PDB file of N, CA and C in Angstrom:
ATOM      1  N   MET A   1     187.038 -52.982 -24.442  1.00  0.00           N
ATOM      2  CA  MET A   1     185.996 -53.668 -25.193  1.00  0.00           C
ATOM      3  C   MET A   1     186.504 -53.996 -26.594  1.00  0.00           C
ATOM      4  N   VAL A   2     186.168 -55.172 -27.050  1.00  0.00           N
ATOM      5  CA  VAL A   2     186.517 -55.606 -28.397  1.00  0.00           C
ATOM      6  C   VAL A   2     185.229 -55.576 -29.222  1.00  0.00           C
ATOM      7  N   ASP A   3     185.248 -54.847 -30.344  1.00  0.00           N
ATOM      8  CA  ASP A   3     184.038 -54.592 -31.132  1.00  0.00           C
ATOM      9  C   ASP A   3     183.302 -55.844 -31.595  1.00  0.00           C
ATOM     10  N   ASP A   4     184.039 -56.895 -31.985  1.00  0.00           N
ATOM     11  CA  ASP A   4     183.377 -58.083 -32.525  1.00  0.00           C
ATOM     12  C   ASP A   4     183.176 -59.186 -31.485  1.00  0.00           C
ATOM     13  N   CYS A   5     183.330 -58.862 -30.190  1.00  0.00           N
ATOM     14  CA  CYS A   5     183.184 -59.852 -29.124  1.00  0.00           C
ATOM     15  C   CYS A   5     181.742 -59.865 -28.608  1.00  0.00           C
ATOM     16  N   LEU A   6     181.101 -61.029 -28.681  1.00  0.00           N
ATOM     17  CA  LEU A   6     179.732 -61.198 -28.222  1.00  0.00           C
ATOM     18  C   LEU A   6     179.567 -60.773 -26.767  1.00  0.00           C
ATOM     19  N   PHE A   7     180.474 -61.211 -25.899  1.00  0.00           N
ATOM     20  CA  PHE A   7     180.335 -60.907 -24.475  1.00  0.00           C
ATOM     21  C   PHE A   7     180.606 -59.432 -24.190  1.00  0.00           C
ATOM     22  N   CYS A   8     181.509 -58.799 -24.930  1.00  0.00           N
ATOM     23  CA  CYS A   8     181.722 -57.352 -24.774  1.00  0.00           C
ATOM     24  C   CYS A   8     180.451 -56.591 -25.148  1.00  0.00           C
ATOM     25  N   LYS A   9     179.742 -57.073 -26.164  1.00  0.00           N
ATOM     26  CA  LYS A   9     178.471 -56.447 -26.553  1.00  0.00           C
ATOM     27  C   LYS A   9     177.435 -56.600 -25.444  1.00  0.00           C
ATOM     28  N   MET A  10     177.463 -57.722 -24.736  1.00  0.00           N
ATOM     29  CA  MET A  10     176.555 -57.915 -23.607  1.00  0.00           C
ATOM     30  C   MET A  10     176.903 -56.972 -22.465  1.00  0.00           C
ATOM     31  N   VAL A  11     178.184 -56.818 -22.189  1.00  0.00           N
ATOM     32  CA  VAL A  11     178.632 -55.893 -21.142  1.00  0.00           C
ATOM     33  C   VAL A  11     178.198 -54.471 -21.499  1.00  0.00           C
ATOM     34  N   ALA A  12     178.329 -54.104 -22.770  1.00  0.00           N
ATOM     35  CA  ALA A  12     177.964 -52.760 -23.222  1.00  0.00           C
ATOM     36  C   ALA A  12     176.456 -52.550 -23.279  1.00  0.00           C
ATOM     37  N   GLY A  13     175.689 -53.634 -23.278  1.00  0.00           N
ATOM     38  CA  GLY A  13     174.238 -53.524 -23.334  1.00  0.00           C
ATOM     39  C   GLY A  13     173.660 -53.503 -24.733  1.00  0.00           C
ATOM     40  N   THR A  14     174.490 -53.668 -25.749  1.00  0.00           N
ATOM     41  CA  THR A  14     173.967 -53.689 -27.120  1.00  0.00           C
ATOM     42  C   THR A  14     173.269 -55.014 -27.425  1.00  0.00           C
ATOM     43  N   ILE A  15     173.656 -56.075 -26.710  1.00  0.00           N
ATOM     44  CA  ILE A  15     172.952 -57.359 -26.743  1.00  0.00           C
ATOM     45  C   ILE A  15     172.566 -57.638 -25.294  1.00  0.00           C
ATOM     46  N   PRO A  16     171.276 -57.613 -24.978  1.00  0.00           N
ATOM     47  CA  PRO A  16     170.884 -57.790 -23.578  1.00  0.00           C
ATOM     48  C   PRO A  16     170.932 -59.255 -23.131  1.00  0.00           C
ATOM     49  N   PRO A  17     171.755 -59.557 -22.105  1.00  0.00           N
ATOM     50  CA  PRO A  17     171.782 -60.919 -21.573  1.00  0.00           C
ATOM     51  C   PRO A  17     170.665 -61.129 -20.556  1.00  0.00           C
ATOM     52  N   ASP A  18     170.414 -62.378 -20.217  1.00  0.00           N
ATOM     53  CA  ASP A  18     169.482 -62.728 -19.136  1.00  0.00           C
ATOM     54  C   ASP A  18     170.297 -62.711 -17.837  1.00  0.00           C
ATOM     55  N   THR A  19     170.496 -61.529 -17.305  1.00  0.00           N
ATOM     56  CA  THR A  19     171.413 -61.283 -16.194  1.00  0.00           C
ATOM     57  C   THR A  19     170.913 -61.885 -14.885  1.00  0.00           C
ATOM     58  N   VAL A  20     171.832 -62.552 -14.167  1.00  0.00           N
ATOM     59  CA  VAL A  20     171.525 -63.053 -12.824  1.00  0.00           C
ATOM     60  C   VAL A  20     172.364 -62.343 -11.770  1.00  0.00           C
ATOM     61  N   TYR A  21     173.460 -61.693 -12.180  1.00  0.00           N
ATOM     62  CA  TYR A  21     174.320 -60.966 -11.250  1.00  0.00           C
ATOM     63  C   TYR A  21     175.130 -59.938 -12.036  1.00  0.00           C
ATOM     64  N   GLU A  22     175.364 -58.785 -11.408  1.00  0.00           N
ATOM     65  CA  GLU A  22     176.216 -57.771 -12.031  1.00  0.00           C
ATOM     66  C   GLU A  22     176.781 -56.868 -10.951  1.00  0.00           C
ATOM     67  N   ASP A  23     178.072 -56.551 -11.088  1.00  0.00           N
ATOM     68  CA  ASP A  23     178.700 -55.524 -10.277  1.00  0.00           C
ATOM     69  C   ASP A  23     179.643 -54.733 -11.179  1.00  0.00           C
ATOM     70  N   ASP A  24     180.547 -53.969 -10.624  1.00  0.00           N
ATOM     71  CA  ASP A  24     181.422 -53.116 -11.430  1.00  0.00           C
ATOM     72  C   ASP A  24     182.381 -53.888 -12.330  1.00  0.00           C
ATOM     73  N   GLU A  25     182.730 -55.127 -11.927  1.00  0.00           N
ATOM     74  CA  GLU A  25     183.741 -55.890 -12.660  1.00  0.00           C
ATOM     75  C   GLU A  25     183.246 -57.188 -13.283  1.00  0.00           C
ATOM     76  N   ILE A  26     182.082 -57.675 -12.846  1.00  0.00           N
ATOM     77  CA  ILE A  26     181.622 -59.008 -13.239  1.00  0.00           C
ATOM     78  C   ILE A  26     180.180 -58.961 -13.720  1.00  0.00           C
ATOM     79  N   LEU A  27     179.894 -59.746 -14.749  1.00  0.00           N
ATOM     80  CA  LEU A  27     178.538 -59.931 -15.258  1.00  0.00           C
ATOM     81  C   LEU A  27     178.282 -61.439 -15.310  1.00  0.00           C
ATOM     82  N   ALA A  28     177.114 -61.859 -14.847  1.00  0.00           N
ATOM     83  CA  ALA A  28     176.733 -63.274 -14.918  1.00  0.00           C
ATOM     84  C   ALA A  28     175.344 -63.359 -15.533  1.00  0.00           C
ATOM     85  N   PHE A  29     175.177 -64.303 -16.456  1.00  0.00           N
ATOM     86  CA  PHE A  29     173.913 -64.432 -17.178  1.00  0.00           C
ATOM     87  C   PHE A  29     173.675 -65.881 -17.559  1.00  0.00           C
ATOM     88  N   ARG A  30     172.410 -66.198 -17.811  1.00  0.00           N
ATOM     89  CA  ARG A  30     172.038 -67.559 -18.208  1.00  0.00           C
ATOM     90  C   ARG A  30     172.544 -67.856 -19.621  1.00  0.00           C
ATOM     91  N   ASP A  31     173.042 -69.065 -19.808  1.00  0.00           N
ATOM     92  CA  ASP A  31     173.509 -69.518 -21.121  1.00  0.00           C
ATOM     93  C   ASP A  31     172.305 -69.714 -22.038  1.00  0.00           C
ATOM     94  N   ILE A  32     172.428 -69.319 -23.296  1.00  0.00           N
ATOM     95  CA  ILE A  32     171.293 -69.465 -24.224  1.00  0.00           C
ATOM     96  C   ILE A  32     171.119 -70.901 -24.711  1.00  0.00           C
ATOM     97  N   HIS A  33     172.131 -71.747 -24.499  1.00  0.00           N
ATOM     98  CA  HIS A  33     172.055 -73.171 -24.841  1.00  0.00           C
ATOM     99  C   HIS A  33     172.446 -73.977 -23.602  1.00  0.00           C
ATOM    100  N   PRO A  34     171.580 -73.989 -22.582  1.00  0.00           N
ATOM    101  CA  PRO A  34     171.962 -74.612 -21.303  1.00  0.00           C
ATOM    102  C   PRO A  34     172.216 -76.111 -21.424  1.00  0.00           C
ATOM    103  N   GLN A  35     173.258 -76.538 -20.716  1.00  0.00           N
ATOM    104  CA  GLN A  35     173.635 -77.946 -20.671  1.00  0.00           C
ATOM    105  C   GLN A  35     173.232 -78.604 -19.356  1.00  0.00           C
ATOM    106  N   ALA A  36     172.551 -77.848 -18.508  1.00  0.00           N
ATOM    107  CA  ALA A  36     172.061 -78.331 -17.215  1.00  0.00           C
ATOM    108  C   ALA A  36     170.918 -77.399 -16.812  1.00  0.00           C
ATOM    109  N   PRO A  37     170.091 -77.808 -15.841  1.00  0.00           N
ATOM    110  CA  PRO A  37     169.005 -76.926 -15.405  1.00  0.00           C
ATOM    111  C   PRO A  37     169.491 -75.540 -14.982  1.00  0.00           C
ATOM    112  N   VAL A  38     170.660 -75.476 -14.342  1.00  0.00           N
ATOM    113  CA  VAL A  38     171.315 -74.194 -14.064  1.00  0.00           C
ATOM    114  C   VAL A  38     172.569 -74.148 -14.921  1.00  0.00           C
ATOM    115  N   HIS A  39     172.650 -73.178 -15.806  1.00  0.00           N
ATOM    116  CA  HIS A  39     173.840 -72.970 -16.633  1.00  0.00           C
ATOM    117  C   HIS A  39     174.020 -71.470 -16.776  1.00  0.00           C
ATOM    118  N   VAL A  40     174.936 -70.944 -15.981  1.00  0.00           N
ATOM    119  CA  VAL A  40     175.200 -69.508 -15.936  1.00  0.00           C
ATOM    120  C   VAL A  40     176.636 -69.268 -16.374  1.00  0.00           C
ATOM    121  N   LEU A  41     176.847 -68.217 -17.155  1.00  0.00           N
ATOM    122  CA  LEU A  41     178.193 -67.798 -17.531  1.00  0.00           C
ATOM    123  C   LEU A  41     178.567 -66.610 -16.664  1.00  0.00           C
ATOM    124  N   VAL A  42     179.750 -66.673 -16.070  1.00  0.00           N
ATOM    125  CA  VAL A  42     180.263 -65.612 -15.213  1.00  0.00           C
ATOM    126  C   VAL A  42     181.487 -65.043 -15.922  1.00  0.00           C
ATOM    127  N   ILE A  43     181.443 -63.746 -16.260  1.00  0.00           N
ATOM    128  CA  ILE A  43     182.495 -63.158 -17.088  1.00  0.00           C
ATOM    129  C   ILE A  43     183.047 -61.878 -16.462  1.00  0.00           C
ATOM    130  N   PRO A  44     184.303 -61.563 -16.774  1.00  0.00           N
ATOM    131  CA  PRO A  44     184.807 -60.243 -16.414  1.00  0.00           C
ATOM    132  C   PRO A  44     184.213 -59.213 -17.375  1.00  0.00           C
ATOM    133  N   LYS A  45     183.946 -58.021 -16.883  1.00  0.00           N
ATOM    134  CA  LYS A  45     183.444 -56.976 -17.777  1.00  0.00           C
ATOM    135  C   LYS A  45     184.545 -56.473 -18.700  1.00  0.00           C
ATOM    136  N   ARG A  46     185.780 -56.505 -18.252  1.00  0.00           N
ATOM    137  CA  ARG A  46     186.882 -56.119 -19.144  1.00  0.00           C
ATOM    138  C   ARG A  46     187.242 -57.322 -19.999  1.00  0.00           C
ATOM    139  N   HIS A  47     187.638 -57.059 -21.209  1.00  0.00           N
ATOM    140  CA  HIS A  47     187.934 -58.149 -22.133  1.00  0.00           C
ATOM    141  C   HIS A  47     189.262 -58.806 -21.767  1.00  0.00           C
ATOM    142  N   ILE A  48     189.176 -60.099 -21.460  1.00  0.00           N
ATOM    143  CA  ILE A  48     190.343 -60.967 -21.310  1.00  0.00           C
ATOM    144  C   ILE A  48     190.060 -62.121 -22.261  1.00  0.00           C
ATOM    145  N   THR A  49     190.925 -62.364 -23.210  1.00  0.00           N
ATOM    146  CA  THR A  49     190.641 -63.323 -24.268  1.00  0.00           C
ATOM    147  C   THR A  49     190.557 -64.759 -23.767  1.00  0.00           C
ATOM    148  N   THR A  50     191.579 -65.235 -23.063  1.00  0.00           N
ATOM    149  CA  THR A  50     191.596 -66.609 -22.569  1.00  0.00           C
ATOM    150  C   THR A  50     192.206 -66.647 -21.172  1.00  0.00           C
ATOM    151  N   LEU A  51     192.112 -67.784 -20.530  1.00  0.00           N
ATOM    152  CA  LEU A  51     192.752 -67.958 -19.225  1.00  0.00           C
ATOM    153  C   LEU A  51     194.260 -67.778 -19.339  1.00  0.00           C
ATOM    154  N   ASN A  52     194.833 -68.081 -20.502  1.00  0.00           N
ATOM    155  CA  ASN A  52     196.270 -67.887 -20.712  1.00  0.00           C
ATOM    156  C   ASN A  52     196.683 -66.416 -20.619  1.00  0.00           C
ATOM    157  N   ASP A  53     195.731 -65.501 -20.742  1.00  0.00           N
ATOM    158  CA  ASP A  53     196.028 -64.072 -20.695  1.00  0.00           C
ATOM    159  C   ASP A  53     195.934 -63.480 -19.292  1.00  0.00           C
ATOM    160  N   VAL A  54     195.661 -64.315 -18.303  1.00  0.00           N
ATOM    161  CA  VAL A  54     195.580 -63.876 -16.910  1.00  0.00           C
ATOM    162  C   VAL A  54     196.975 -63.941 -16.307  1.00  0.00           C
ATOM    163  N   GLY A  55     197.339 -62.887 -15.570  1.00  0.00           N
ATOM    164  CA  GLY A  55     198.652 -62.842 -14.929  1.00  0.00           C
ATOM    165  C   GLY A  55     198.536 -62.808 -13.417  1.00  0.00           C
ATOM    166  N   ASP A  56     199.685 -62.775 -12.755  1.00  0.00           N
ATOM    167  CA  ASP A  56     199.721 -62.748 -11.296  1.00  0.00           C
ATOM    168  C   ASP A  56     198.925 -61.573 -10.726  1.00  0.00           C
ATOM    169  N   ALA A  57     198.955 -60.442 -11.389  1.00  0.00           N
ATOM    170  CA  ALA A  57     198.227 -59.259 -10.906  1.00  0.00           C
ATOM    171  C   ALA A  57     196.712 -59.480 -10.930  1.00  0.00           C
ATOM    172  N   ASP A  58     196.252 -60.460 -11.715  1.00  0.00           N
ATOM    173  CA  ASP A  58     194.815 -60.757 -11.824  1.00  0.00           C
ATOM    174  C   ASP A  58     194.314 -61.734 -10.759  1.00  0.00           C
ATOM    175  N   ALA A  59     195.199 -62.221  -9.895  1.00  0.00           N
ATOM    176  CA  ALA A  59     194.820 -63.227  -8.899  1.00  0.00           C
ATOM    177  C   ALA A  59     193.652 -62.764  -8.015  1.00  0.00           C
ATOM    178  N   PRO A  60     193.661 -61.548  -7.476  1.00  0.00           N
ATOM    179  CA  PRO A  60     192.509 -61.131  -6.659  1.00  0.00           C
ATOM    180  C   PRO A  60     191.199 -61.120  -7.459  1.00  0.00           C
ATOM    181  N   PHE A  61     191.259 -60.669  -8.695  1.00  0.00           N
ATOM    182  CA  PHE A  61     190.056 -60.657  -9.523  1.00  0.00           C
ATOM    183  C   PHE A  61     189.563 -62.076  -9.797  1.00  0.00           C
ATOM    184  N   MET A  62     190.468 -62.986 -10.127  1.00  0.00           N
ATOM    185  CA  MET A  62     190.060 -64.368 -10.412  1.00  0.00           C
ATOM    186  C   MET A  62     189.434 -65.009  -9.173  1.00  0.00           C
ATOM    187  N   GLY A  63     189.926 -64.659  -7.998  1.00  0.00           N
ATOM    188  CA  GLY A  63     189.301 -65.124  -6.767  1.00  0.00           C
ATOM    189  C   GLY A  63     187.875 -64.597  -6.646  1.00  0.00           C
ATOM    190  N   ARG A  64     187.680 -63.330  -6.994  1.00  0.00           N
ATOM    191  CA  ARG A  64     186.330 -62.752  -6.972  1.00  0.00           C
ATOM    192  C   ARG A  64     185.418 -63.446  -7.970  1.00  0.00           C
ATOM    193  N   LEU A  65     185.957 -63.796  -9.141  1.00  0.00           N
ATOM    194  CA  LEU A  65     185.160 -64.484 -10.152  1.00  0.00           C
ATOM    195  C   LEU A  65     184.657 -65.821  -9.594  1.00  0.00           C
ATOM    196  N   LEU A  66     185.549 -66.580  -8.953  1.00  0.00           N
ATOM    197  CA  LEU A  66     185.153 -67.862  -8.359  1.00  0.00           C
ATOM    198  C   LEU A  66     184.171 -67.674  -7.206  1.00  0.00           C
ATOM    199  N   LEU A  67     184.403 -66.682  -6.366  1.00  0.00           N
ATOM    200  CA  LEU A  67     183.493 -66.430  -5.250  1.00  0.00           C
ATOM    201  C   LEU A  67     182.121 -65.980  -5.748  1.00  0.00           C
ATOM    202  N   THR A  68     182.091 -65.275  -6.864  1.00  0.00           N
ATOM    203  CA  THR A  68     180.809 -64.883  -7.462  1.00  0.00           C
ATOM    204  C   THR A  68     180.058 -66.115  -7.942  1.00  0.00           C
ATOM    205  N   ALA A  69     180.767 -67.052  -8.578  1.00  0.00           N
ATOM    206  CA  ALA A  69     180.128 -68.305  -9.012  1.00  0.00           C
ATOM    207  C   ALA A  69     179.571 -69.048  -7.808  1.00  0.00           C
ATOM    208  N   LYS A  70     180.320 -69.103  -6.718  1.00  0.00           N
ATOM    209  CA  LYS A  70     179.853 -69.765  -5.492  1.00  0.00           C
ATOM    210  C   LYS A  70     178.597 -69.081  -4.961  1.00  0.00           C
ATOM    211  N   ARG A  71     178.594 -67.750  -4.946  1.00  0.00           N
ATOM    212  CA  ARG A  71     177.427 -67.000  -4.461  1.00  0.00           C
ATOM    213  C   ARG A  71     176.195 -67.286  -5.316  1.00  0.00           C
ATOM    214  N   ILE A  72     176.380 -67.321  -6.623  1.00  0.00           N
ATOM    215  CA  ILE A  72     175.258 -67.614  -7.531  1.00  0.00           C
ATOM    216  C   ILE A  72     174.752 -69.040  -7.287  1.00  0.00           C
ATOM    217  N   ALA A  73     175.672 -69.988  -7.089  1.00  0.00           N
ATOM    218  CA  ALA A  73     175.273 -71.375  -6.799  1.00  0.00           C
ATOM    219  C   ALA A  73     174.429 -71.424  -5.526  1.00  0.00           C
ATOM    220  N   GLU A  74     174.809 -70.659  -4.525  1.00  0.00           N
ATOM    221  CA  GLU A  74     174.029 -70.608  -3.291  1.00  0.00           C
ATOM    222  C   GLU A  74     172.647 -70.003  -3.546  1.00  0.00           C
ATOM    223  N   GLU A  75     172.618 -68.894  -4.283  1.00  0.00           N
ATOM    224  CA  GLU A  75     171.344 -68.226  -4.566  1.00  0.00           C
ATOM    225  C   GLU A  75     170.414 -69.091  -5.403  1.00  0.00           C
ATOM    226  N   MET A  76     170.975 -69.917  -6.283  1.00  0.00           N
ATOM    227  CA  MET A  76     170.167 -70.785  -7.134  1.00  0.00           C
ATOM    228  C   MET A  76     169.928 -72.153  -6.504  1.00  0.00           C
ATOM    229  N   GLU A  77     170.340 -72.277  -5.245  1.00  0.00           N
ATOM    230  CA  GLU A  77     170.093 -73.469  -4.429  1.00  0.00           C
ATOM    231  C   GLU A  77     170.664 -74.755  -5.018  1.00  0.00           C
ATOM    232  N   ILE A  78     171.873 -74.645  -5.590  1.00  0.00           N
ATOM    233  CA  ILE A  78     172.564 -75.839  -6.079  1.00  0.00           C
ATOM    234  C   ILE A  78     173.863 -76.081  -5.313  1.00  0.00           C
ATOM    235  N   ALA A  79     174.202 -75.190  -4.381  1.00  0.00           N
ATOM    236  CA  ALA A  79     175.477 -75.306  -3.669  1.00  0.00           C
ATOM    237  C   ALA A  79     175.555 -76.592  -2.855  1.00  0.00           C
ATOM    238  N   ASP A  80     174.498 -76.938  -2.160  1.00  0.00           N
ATOM    239  CA  ASP A  80     174.534 -78.124  -1.303  1.00  0.00           C
ATOM    240  C   ASP A  80     174.479 -79.428  -2.085  1.00  0.00           C
ATOM    241  N   THR A  81     173.751 -79.457  -3.191  1.00  0.00           N
ATOM    242  CA  THR A  81     173.649 -80.685  -3.977  1.00  0.00           C
ATOM    243  C   THR A  81     174.853 -80.865  -4.893  1.00  0.00           C
ATOM    244  N   GLY A  82     175.506 -79.772  -5.261  1.00  0.00           N
ATOM    245  CA  GLY A  82     176.715 -79.837  -6.070  1.00  0.00           C
ATOM    246  C   GLY A  82     176.581 -79.135  -7.401  1.00  0.00           C
ATOM    247  N   TYR A  83     177.702 -78.666  -7.888  1.00  0.00           N
ATOM    248  CA  TYR A  83     177.751 -77.948  -9.157  1.00  0.00           C
ATOM    249  C   TYR A  83     179.147 -78.056  -9.736  1.00  0.00           C
ATOM    250  N   ARG A  84     179.282 -77.637 -10.957  1.00  0.00           N
ATOM    251  CA  ARG A  84     180.568 -77.639 -11.641  1.00  0.00           C
ATOM    252  C   ARG A  84     180.873 -76.218 -12.084  1.00  0.00           C
ATOM    253  N   ALA A  85     182.121 -75.797 -11.918  1.00  0.00           N
ATOM    254  CA  ALA A  85     182.609 -74.508 -12.401  1.00  0.00           C
ATOM    255  C   ALA A  85     183.739 -74.798 -13.379  1.00  0.00           C
ATOM    256  N   VAL A  86     183.554 -74.404 -14.642  1.00  0.00           N
ATOM    257  CA  VAL A  86     184.484 -74.778 -15.709  1.00  0.00           C
ATOM    258  C   VAL A  86     184.947 -73.539 -16.458  1.00  0.00           C
ATOM    259  N   ILE A  87     186.256 -73.455 -16.692  1.00  0.00           N
ATOM    260  CA  ILE A  87     186.818 -72.443 -17.582  1.00  0.00           C
ATOM    261  C   ILE A  87     187.534 -73.195 -18.699  1.00  0.00           C
ATOM    262  N   SER A  88     187.042 -73.056 -19.910  1.00  0.00           N
ATOM    263  CA  SER A  88     187.689 -73.671 -21.069  1.00  0.00           C
ATOM    264  C   SER A  88     188.704 -72.681 -21.641  1.00  0.00           C
ATOM    265  N   CYS A  89     189.815 -73.204 -22.159  1.00  0.00           N
ATOM    266  CA  CYS A  89     190.858 -72.331 -22.695  1.00  0.00           C
ATOM    267  C   CYS A  89     191.261 -72.787 -24.098  1.00  0.00           C
ATOM    268  N   ASN A  90     191.048 -71.898 -25.050  1.00  0.00           N
ATOM    269  CA  ASN A  90     191.370 -72.109 -26.462  1.00  0.00           C
ATOM    270  C   ASN A  90     190.502 -73.196 -27.093  1.00  0.00           C
ATOM    271  N   ARG A  91     190.559 -73.292 -28.406  1.00  0.00           N
ATOM    272  CA  ARG A  91     189.665 -74.190 -29.147  1.00  0.00           C
ATOM    273  C   ARG A  91     189.786 -75.648 -28.699  1.00  0.00           C
ATOM    274  N   GLY A  92     191.012 -76.115 -28.497  1.00  0.00           N
ATOM    275  CA  GLY A  92     191.222 -77.500 -28.083  1.00  0.00           C
ATOM    276  C   GLY A  92     190.626 -77.813 -26.720  1.00  0.00           C
ATOM    277  N   GLY A  93     190.459 -76.781 -25.892  1.00  0.00           N
ATOM    278  CA  GLY A  93     189.845 -76.943 -24.583  1.00  0.00           C
ATOM    279  C   GLY A  93     188.346 -76.724 -24.600  1.00  0.00           C
ATOM    280  N   GLY A  94     187.801 -76.405 -25.784  1.00  0.00           N
ATOM    281  CA  GLY A  94     186.361 -76.223 -25.922  1.00  0.00           C
ATOM    282  C   GLY A  94     185.885 -74.787 -25.863  1.00  0.00           C
ATOM    283  N   GLN A  95     186.799 -73.820 -25.835  1.00  0.00           N
ATOM    284  CA  GLN A  95     186.387 -72.419 -25.796  1.00  0.00           C
ATOM    285  C   GLN A  95     185.881 -72.001 -27.175  1.00  0.00           C
ATOM    286  N   SER A  96     184.663 -71.437 -27.215  1.00  0.00           N
ATOM    287  CA  SER A  96     184.101 -70.991 -28.501  1.00  0.00           C
ATOM    288  C   SER A  96     183.907 -69.482 -28.552  1.00  0.00           C
ATOM    289  N   VAL A  97     183.793 -68.831 -27.414  1.00  0.00           N
ATOM    290  CA  VAL A  97     183.736 -67.367 -27.353  1.00  0.00           C
ATOM    291  C   VAL A  97     185.028 -66.925 -26.682  1.00  0.00           C
ATOM    292  N   PHE A  98     185.802 -66.112 -27.382  1.00  0.00           N
ATOM    293  CA  PHE A  98     187.124 -65.751 -26.891  1.00  0.00           C
ATOM    294  C   PHE A  98     187.085 -64.487 -26.042  1.00  0.00           C
ATOM    295  N   HIS A  99     186.388 -64.641 -24.932  1.00  0.00           N
ATOM    296  CA  HIS A  99     186.307 -63.691 -23.824  1.00  0.00           C
ATOM    297  C   HIS A  99     186.213 -64.611 -22.614  1.00  0.00           C
ATOM    298  N   LEU A 100     187.173 -64.518 -21.714  1.00  0.00           N
ATOM    299  CA  LEU A 100     187.217 -65.409 -20.561  1.00  0.00           C
ATOM    300  C   LEU A 100     185.845 -65.531 -19.921  1.00  0.00           C
ATOM    301  N   HIS A 101     185.425 -66.759 -19.634  1.00  0.00           N
ATOM    302  CA  HIS A 101     184.156 -66.983 -18.956  1.00  0.00           C
ATOM    303  C   HIS A 101     184.187 -68.303 -18.193  1.00  0.00           C
ATOM    304  N   LEU A 102     183.435 -68.312 -17.112  1.00  0.00           N
ATOM    305  CA  LEU A 102     183.298 -69.488 -16.271  1.00  0.00           C
ATOM    306  C   LEU A 102     181.888 -70.017 -16.441  1.00  0.00           C
ATOM    307  N   HIS A 103     181.771 -71.307 -16.730  1.00  0.00           N
ATOM    308  CA  HIS A 103     180.462 -71.960 -16.803  1.00  0.00           C
ATOM    309  C   HIS A 103     180.128 -72.478 -15.413  1.00  0.00           C
ATOM    310  N   LEU A 104     178.992 -72.085 -14.890  1.00  0.00           N
ATOM    311  CA  LEU A 104     178.464 -72.625 -13.643  1.00  0.00           C
ATOM    312  C   LEU A 104     177.310 -73.544 -14.022  1.00  0.00           C
ATOM    313  N   LEU A 105     177.474 -74.840 -13.749  1.00  0.00           N
ATOM    314  CA  LEU A 105     176.493 -75.846 -14.147  1.00  0.00           C
ATOM    315  C   LEU A 105     176.017 -76.617 -12.924  1.00  0.00           C
ATOM    316  N   GLY A 106     174.707 -76.815 -12.824  1.00  0.00           N
ATOM    317  CA  GLY A 106     174.172 -77.590 -11.711  1.00  0.00           C
ATOM    318  C   GLY A 106     172.703 -77.905 -11.916  1.00  0.00           C
ATOM    319  N   GLY A 107     172.117 -78.490 -10.895  1.00  0.00           N
ATOM    320  CA  GLY A 107     170.713 -78.860 -10.975  1.00  0.00           C
ATOM    321  C   GLY A 107     170.497 -80.263 -11.502  1.00  0.00           C
ATOM    322  N   ARG A 108     171.581 -80.947 -11.821  1.00  0.00           N
ATOM    323  CA  ARG A 108     171.532 -82.364 -12.204  1.00  0.00           C
ATOM    324  C   ARG A 108     172.887 -82.959 -11.836  1.00  0.00           C
ATOM    325  N   ARG A 109     172.954 -84.267 -11.807  1.00  0.00           N
ATOM    326  CA  ARG A 109     174.220 -84.939 -11.491  1.00  0.00           C
ATOM    327  C   ARG A 109     175.186 -84.762 -12.666  1.00  0.00           C
ATOM    328  N   MET A 110     176.390 -84.321 -12.367  1.00  0.00           N
ATOM    329  CA  MET A 110     177.427 -84.168 -13.373  1.00  0.00           C
ATOM    330  C   MET A 110     178.164 -85.494 -13.533  1.00  0.00           C
ATOM    331  N   LYS A 111     178.526 -85.828 -14.753  1.00  0.00           N
ATOM    332  CA  LYS A 111     179.224 -87.092 -15.025  1.00  0.00           C
ATOM    333  C   LYS A 111     180.715 -86.838 -15.208  1.00  0.00           C
ATOM    334  N   TRP A 112     181.495 -87.878 -15.022  1.00  0.00           N
ATOM    335  CA  TRP A 112     182.934 -87.805 -15.241  1.00  0.00           C
ATOM    336  C   TRP A 112     183.365 -89.024 -16.026  1.00  0.00           C
ATOM    337  N   PRO A 113     184.172 -88.938 -17.021  1.00  0.00           N
ATOM    338  CA  PRO A 113     184.809 -87.718 -17.451  1.00  0.00           C
ATOM    339  C   PRO A 113     183.874 -86.859 -18.311  1.00  0.00           C
ATOM    340  N   PRO A 114     184.114 -85.537 -18.320  1.00  0.00           N
ATOM    341  CA  PRO A 114     183.295 -84.668 -19.164  1.00  0.00           C
ATOM    342  C   PRO A 114     183.672 -84.835 -20.624  1.00  0.00           C
ATOM    343  N   GLY A 115     182.801 -84.367 -21.518  1.00  0.00           N
ATOM    344  CA  GLY A 115     182.932 -84.354 -22.957  1.00  0.00           C
ATOM    345  C   GLY A 115     184.190 -84.819 -23.518  1.00  0.00           C
TER     346      GLY A 115
END
């Protein structure tokens, strides 16, 4: 855990998220500034700063992270109509909280190209 990390504080329970899923390794919660009718952040409970910090040994975990996003999309009934799963990396990629997280967005038509 990193003391000044917003998402680590959510994992620790000092800042309560609007949780939609939780297990031993993953926490998923609604975004406080949603960009779509469904906007959920799926995060590892252990602090990983960016996608650049993921290594080969993390491959099984990253697969679980994606499968968790898929499961949430199914539970929120956006899987069949479509959704977007986005991981931003570093400031130039749009990352603003430096704790790895996946944005699950759906419930409306997504446009291309994004932002």
